[in-house]
Amino acid sequence: MIVLGVILLIIGFLLGISILWTIGIILVVIGLVLWVLGALGHAIGGRRHYY
């Protein structure tokens, strides 16, 4: 999710498409939150890891 967000950020920046930029930021933030929660040992959606 983090990688997809970064890819969308880059594409949105290079092509000047603001919706891709916004979606990329949202995906990166959600990915980081899920990564931190998983690293802390919290179960997310009934799973130990979200991937």
C-alpha atoms as a PDB file:
ATOM      1  CA  MET A   1       0.000   0.000   0.000  1.00  0.00           C
ATOM      2  CA  ILE A   2       2.867   2.327   0.793  1.00  0.00           C
ATOM      3  CA  VAL A   3       4.589   1.519  -2.497  1.00  0.00           C
ATOM      4  CA  LEU A   4       1.385   2.098  -4.474  1.00  0.00           C
ATOM      5  CA  GLY A   5       0.921   5.423  -2.703  1.00  0.00           C
ATOM      6  CA  VAL A   6       4.452   6.519  -3.560  1.00  0.00           C
ATOM      7  CA  ILE A   7       3.975   5.496  -7.197  1.00  0.00           C
ATOM      8  CA  LEU A   8       0.757   7.518  -7.392  1.00  0.00           C
ATOM      9  CA  LEU A   9       2.499  10.482  -5.766  1.00  0.00           C
ATOM     10  CA  ILE A  10       5.248  10.402  -8.379  1.00  0.00           C
ATOM     11  CA  ILE A  11       2.856   9.975 -11.321  1.00  0.00           C
ATOM     12  CA  GLY A  12       0.545  12.688 -10.015  1.00  0.00           C
ATOM     13  CA  PHE A  13       3.465  15.067  -9.535  1.00  0.00           C
ATOM     14  CA  LEU A  14       4.998  14.414 -12.958  1.00  0.00           C
ATOM     15  CA  LEU A  15       1.732  14.611 -14.889  1.00  0.00           C
ATOM     16  CA  GLY A  16       0.194  17.383 -12.803  1.00  0.00           C
ATOM     17  CA  ILE A  17      -2.882  15.343 -11.884  1.00  0.00           C
ATOM     18  CA  SER A  18      -3.943  16.471  -8.425  1.00  0.00           C
ATOM     19  CA  ILE A  19      -6.352  13.588  -7.747  1.00  0.00           C
ATOM     20  CA  LEU A  20      -3.509  11.067  -8.079  1.00  0.00           C
ATOM     21  CA  TRP A  21      -1.416  13.199  -5.736  1.00  0.00           C
ATOM     22  CA  THR A  22      -4.243  13.220  -3.159  1.00  0.00           C
ATOM     23  CA  ILE A  23      -4.929   9.489  -3.428  1.00  0.00           C
ATOM     24  CA  GLY A  24      -1.192   8.804  -3.146  1.00  0.00           C
ATOM     25  CA  ILE A  25      -0.927  10.806   0.079  1.00  0.00           C
ATOM     26  CA  ILE A  26      -3.944   9.005   1.541  1.00  0.00           C
ATOM     27  CA  LEU A  27      -2.536   5.563   0.655  1.00  0.00           C
ATOM     28  CA  VAL A  28       0.876   6.379   2.115  1.00  0.00           C
ATOM     29  CA  VAL A  29      -0.668   7.596   5.385  1.00  0.00           C
ATOM     30  CA  ILE A  30      -2.972   4.572   5.690  1.00  0.00           C
ATOM     31  CA  GLY A  31      -0.094   2.223   4.845  1.00  0.00           C
ATOM     32  CA  LEU A  32       2.143   3.796   7.474  1.00  0.00           C
ATOM     33  CA  VAL A  33      -0.580   3.599  10.126  1.00  0.00           C
ATOM     34  CA  LEU A  34      -1.246  -0.065   9.354  1.00  0.00           C
ATOM     35  CA  TRP A  35       2.490  -0.808   9.336  1.00  0.00           C
ATOM     36  CA  VAL A  36       2.986   0.826  12.741  1.00  0.00           C
ATOM     37  CA  LEU A  37      -0.027  -0.961  14.243  1.00  0.00           C
ATOM     38  CA  GLY A  38       1.211  -4.286  12.867  1.00  0.00           C
ATOM     39  CA  ALA A  39       4.703  -3.647  14.180  1.00  0.00           C
ATOM     40  CA  LEU A  40       3.309  -2.923  17.631  1.00  0.00           C
ATOM     41  CA  GLY A  41       1.584  -6.307  17.653  1.00  0.00           C
ATOM     42  CA  HIS A  42      -2.017  -5.169  17.242  1.00  0.00           C
ATOM     43  CA  ALA A  43      -4.231  -7.461  15.197  1.00  0.00           C
ATOM     44  CA  ILE A  44      -5.768  -5.631  12.240  1.00  0.00           C
ATOM     45  CA  GLY A  45      -8.943  -7.106  10.790  1.00  0.00           C
ATOM     46  CA  GLY A  46      -8.378 -10.329  12.685  1.00  0.00           C
ATOM     47  CA  ARG A  47      -4.903 -10.768  11.210  1.00  0.00           C
ATOM     48  CA  ARG A  48      -1.519 -10.282  12.780  1.00  0.00           C
ATOM     49  CA  HIS A  49      -0.235  -8.524   9.637  1.00  0.00           C
ATOM     50  CA  TYR A  50      -2.343  -6.526   7.210  1.00  0.00           C
ATOM     51  CA  TYR A  51      -0.649  -7.852   4.044  1.00  0.00           C
END
